[in-house]
Protein backbone atom coordinates (compact mmCIF):
# COMPACT_ATOMS: atom_id res chain seq x y z
CA MET A 1 -220.44 88.64 86.23
CA THR A 2 -221.43 92.31 86.32
CA THR A 3 -224.80 91.29 87.80
CA MET A 4 -223.02 89.39 90.55
CA ARG A 5 -220.79 92.37 91.22
CA SER A 6 -223.81 94.62 91.63
CA HIS A 7 -225.30 92.20 94.18
CA TYR A 8 -222.04 91.96 96.14
CA SER A 9 -221.81 95.77 96.25
CA LYS A 10 -224.90 95.72 98.49
CA VAL A 11 -223.29 93.39 101.05
CA ASN A 12 -221.97 95.33 104.02
CA MET A 13 -218.57 93.62 104.13
CA PRO A 14 -215.59 93.00 101.83
CA VAL A 15 -216.05 90.14 99.35
CA PHE A 16 -212.97 88.52 97.80
CA GLN A 17 -213.40 86.36 94.71
CA SER A 18 -211.61 83.28 93.41
CA MET A 19 -212.24 82.13 89.86
CA GLY A 20 -214.23 78.91 89.32
CA ASN A 21 -214.94 76.59 86.43
CA HIS A 22 -218.39 78.08 85.80
CA ASP A 23 -216.73 81.43 85.13
CA TYR A 24 -215.63 79.85 81.85
CA THR A 25 -219.03 78.78 80.58
CA PHE A 26 -219.71 82.17 79.00
CA PHE A 27 -217.31 81.11 76.25
CA ARG A 28 -218.82 77.75 75.37
CA GLY A 29 -220.46 76.84 72.10
CA SER A 30 -220.05 77.03 68.36
CA ASP A 31 -220.90 80.74 68.27
CA ASN A 32 -217.59 81.47 69.96
CA PRO A 33 -215.08 78.88 68.70
CA LEU A 34 -212.03 78.30 70.88
CA ALA A 35 -208.70 77.82 69.16
CA ALA A 36 -206.06 76.11 71.29
CA ASP A 37 -202.30 76.64 71.17
CA ALA A 38 -199.46 74.66 72.78
CA THR A 39 -199.99 76.02 76.29
CA SER A 40 -203.58 77.16 76.67
CA SER A 41 -206.80 77.94 74.87
CA THR A 42 -208.45 81.22 74.13
CA ALA A 43 -211.14 80.10 76.58
CA GLN A 44 -208.72 80.56 79.44
CA LEU A 45 -207.64 84.00 78.34
CA LYS A 46 -211.08 85.32 77.40
CA ALA A 47 -212.68 84.14 80.62
CA GLN A 48 -209.81 85.35 82.78
CA ARG A 49 -209.88 88.82 81.21
CA LYS A 50 -213.64 89.08 81.80
CA PHE A 51 -213.19 87.99 85.42
CA GLU A 52 -210.36 90.48 85.95
CA ASP A 53 -212.36 93.32 84.39
CA THR A 54 -215.23 92.58 86.79
CA PHE A 55 -213.66 91.47 90.07
CA GLY A 56 -209.90 92.08 89.88
CA PRO A 57 -206.86 89.80 89.60
CA VAL A 58 -207.11 86.02 89.62
CA ASN A 59 -203.95 85.69 91.73
CA TYR A 60 -203.55 88.01 94.72
CA SER A 61 -202.85 88.01 98.46
CA PHE A 62 -203.52 90.13 101.52
CA ASN A 63 -202.94 90.08 105.28
CA ARG A 64 -205.41 90.08 108.17
CA GLY A 65 -203.62 90.16 111.51
CA SER A 66 -201.34 87.12 111.71
CA VAL A 67 -202.95 85.49 108.67
CA HIS A 68 -201.68 85.67 105.08
CA ILE A 69 -204.51 84.88 102.65
CA VAL A 70 -203.73 83.89 99.06
CA CYS A 71 -206.38 83.55 96.33
CA MET A 72 -205.44 81.82 93.08
CA ARG A 73 -207.01 80.44 89.95
CA ASN A 74 -206.30 76.68 89.84
CA ILE A 75 -208.18 75.58 86.74
CA ILE A 76 -206.37 74.28 83.66
CA TYR A 77 -208.38 73.64 80.50
CA ASP A 78 -207.32 70.61 78.49
CA SER A 79 -209.19 71.26 75.25
CA ALA A 80 -211.10 73.84 73.27
CA THR A 81 -214.12 71.62 72.77
CA ASP A 82 -217.68 72.48 73.68
CA ASN A 83 -217.26 70.28 76.76
CA LEU A 84 -214.52 72.54 78.11
CA ASP A 85 -212.61 69.71 79.78
CA TYR A 86 -210.53 70.92 82.71
CA HIS A 87 -208.57 69.78 85.74
CA GLY A 88 -207.06 71.39 88.83
CA GLY A 89 -203.61 72.85 88.37
CA PHE A 90 -201.33 75.88 88.21
CA THR A 91 -199.15 77.31 85.45
CA ASP A 92 -195.38 77.71 85.87
CA GLU A 93 -195.91 81.47 86.09
CA GLN A 94 -198.38 81.03 88.94
CA TYR A 95 -195.97 78.78 90.81
CA GLU A 96 -193.21 81.39 90.55
CA TRP A 97 -195.64 84.11 91.65
CA LEU A 98 -196.63 82.13 94.74
CA LEU A 99 -193.00 81.36 95.55
CA GLU A 100 -192.16 85.08 95.51
CA ASP A 101 -195.30 85.96 97.46
CA LEU A 102 -194.61 83.51 100.29
CA ALA A 103 -190.95 84.51 100.47
CA GLU A 104 -192.12 87.65 102.29
CA VAL A 105 -194.24 85.71 104.82
CA GLY A 106 -192.81 84.63 108.16
CA LYS A 107 -193.01 80.93 109.03
CA ASP A 108 -194.95 81.80 112.20
CA LYS A 109 -197.86 83.20 110.19
CA MET A 110 -200.97 81.27 109.23
CA VAL A 111 -201.28 80.86 105.46
CA ILE A 112 -204.71 80.22 103.91
CA LEU A 113 -204.69 79.32 100.22
CA CYS A 114 -208.11 79.88 98.60
CA VAL A 115 -208.78 78.02 95.34
CA HIS A 116 -211.73 76.49 93.53
CA ILE A 117 -210.72 72.89 92.67
CA PRO A 118 -209.96 70.80 95.80
CA PHE A 119 -206.41 69.53 96.19
CA CYS A 120 -207.64 66.24 97.64
CA TYR A 121 -209.29 65.32 94.32
CA SER A 122 -206.48 66.33 91.96
CA GLN A 123 -203.39 64.42 90.89
CA ASP A 124 -201.85 67.32 88.96
CA GLU A 125 -198.09 67.61 89.56
CA SER A 126 -198.28 71.40 89.84
CA MET A 127 -200.71 71.08 92.75
CA ARG A 128 -198.38 68.67 94.54
CA GLU A 129 -195.54 71.17 94.11
CA VAL A 130 -197.69 73.88 95.67
CA LEU A 131 -198.48 71.56 98.60
CA VAL A 132 -194.75 71.08 99.22
CA MET A 133 -194.36 74.86 99.28
CA LEU A 134 -197.25 75.31 101.72
CA GLY A 135 -195.99 72.49 103.91
CA ARG A 136 -193.11 74.73 105.02
CA TYR A 137 -195.63 76.75 107.04
CA ARG A 138 -196.73 75.20 110.31
CA ASN A 139 -200.20 76.74 110.18
CA ALA A 140 -200.99 76.44 106.47
CA THR A 141 -204.47 75.38 105.41
CA ILE A 142 -206.48 75.30 102.18
CA PHE A 143 -209.99 76.59 101.49
CA SER A 144 -211.48 75.11 98.32
CA GLY A 145 -214.95 74.68 96.85
CA HIS A 146 -216.41 73.22 93.65
CA THR A 147 -218.35 70.45 95.40
CA HIS A 148 -221.92 70.21 96.71
CA PHE A 149 -220.88 68.74 100.05
CA TYR A 150 -218.44 69.63 102.82
CA ARG A 151 -215.26 67.64 103.44
CA GLY A 152 -212.47 68.16 105.93
CA VAL A 153 -209.41 66.37 104.57
CA GLU A 154 -206.02 65.92 106.18
CA LEU A 155 -203.35 65.86 103.48
CA LYS A 156 -201.02 63.81 105.63
CA ASP A 157 -198.05 63.70 103.27
CA TYR A 158 -197.79 67.49 103.48
CA GLY A 159 -199.07 68.25 106.99
CA ILE A 160 -201.89 70.41 105.63
CA PHE A 161 -205.62 70.37 106.34
CA GLU A 162 -208.03 71.20 103.52
CA HIS A 163 -211.56 72.54 104.00
CA VAL A 164 -213.63 71.62 100.94
CA HIS A 165 -216.66 73.91 101.00
CA SER A 166 -220.09 73.08 99.65
CA ALA A 167 -221.89 75.20 97.08
CA VAL A 168 -224.04 78.00 98.46
CA CYS A 169 -226.91 76.90 96.19
CA GLY A 170 -227.15 73.45 97.77
CA GLN A 171 -227.61 70.28 95.78
CA TRP A 172 -228.27 70.65 92.05
CA TRP A 173 -229.21 73.63 91.95
CA TRP A 174 -231.23 74.92 94.87
CA THR A 175 -232.16 72.97 98.00
CA ASN A 176 -232.25 73.44 101.78
CA VAL A 177 -229.30 71.13 102.35
CA GLU A 178 -226.24 69.79 100.59
CA ASN A 179 -226.08 66.12 99.66
CA ASP A 180 -224.29 65.31 102.93
CA GLY A 181 -226.93 66.97 105.12
CA VAL A 182 -225.21 70.24 106.03
CA PRO A 183 -227.16 73.46 105.43
CA ASN A 184 -226.60 75.12 102.09
CA GLY A 185 -225.04 78.46 102.82
CA TYR A 186 -221.72 79.54 104.25
CA ASN A 187 -218.91 78.45 106.53
CA VAL A 188 -217.92 80.88 109.27
CA TYR A 189 -214.42 80.71 110.76
CA ARG A 190 -213.11 82.52 113.82
CA ILE A 191 -209.36 82.89 113.73
CA ASP A 192 -207.39 83.80 116.81
CA GLY A 193 -203.76 84.70 116.22
CA SER A 194 -202.47 82.18 113.69
CA GLY A 195 -205.05 79.40 114.10
CA ILE A 196 -208.70 78.57 113.54
CA LYS A 197 -210.48 78.55 116.91
CA ASP A 198 -214.06 77.98 115.80
CA ALA A 199 -215.96 76.96 112.65
CA TYR A 200 -219.62 76.37 111.85
CA PHE A 201 -222.26 76.47 109.09
CA VAL A 202 -224.81 79.24 108.56
CA GLY A 203 -227.66 78.25 106.24
CA THR A 204 -229.27 80.67 103.81
CA ASN A 205 -232.77 79.33 104.55
CA ASP A 206 -234.51 80.50 107.74
CA ALA A 207 -235.00 76.99 109.12
CA PHE A 208 -231.26 76.30 108.81
CA SER A 209 -229.76 79.67 109.66
CA ASP A 210 -229.35 78.94 113.38
CA ARG A 211 -225.95 77.76 114.57
CA ASN A 212 -227.62 74.89 116.43
CA CYS A 213 -228.62 73.40 113.06
CA GLN A 214 -225.39 71.99 111.64
CA MET A 215 -226.67 68.82 109.95
CA ARG A 216 -229.85 67.14 108.85
CA ILE A 217 -230.06 63.36 108.60
């Protein structure tokens, strides 16, 4: 993580982090046994403390113009085994934190919730409760990742659109494109007021870094 931080320090723009499942893999294996209790495992706490020491809090928010951006950890570990089984979800404390955070945000604002595990692939009750909370905002949307392909998903029951972003490395573990044909790299969004006005891919490889190249079949 400290190596990543040193690389990001050379980027001439702010970089905001959200914690992902691979941020836990430092604590895998028999050399570092993980004892579980009734609510969590030491894997969660050890990994979270390391992330916080390097990048800052795992739950935080900030404003940019008419947009309120929230970044949260949404990974729950189910066991302390070497497999580190996990699913998408939030703790009760996180839910209360988000409730208090959004209480200060006007309903006319755009709310972007940034997480790692996509909502559209999780059946966790805590994630459904968060969707109900977000659904009170007319311009709420979700930015998630975790996958190696892009998906735009309308969560119709909640009136929320989710952007599932592909991995910057491409498809398992470094290629020119993701497995759906979009360039491996980054999504760029232009937000005007309280809505997204433009969005496109920028590839990390020279042949795919032009905006005119949005997909390869």
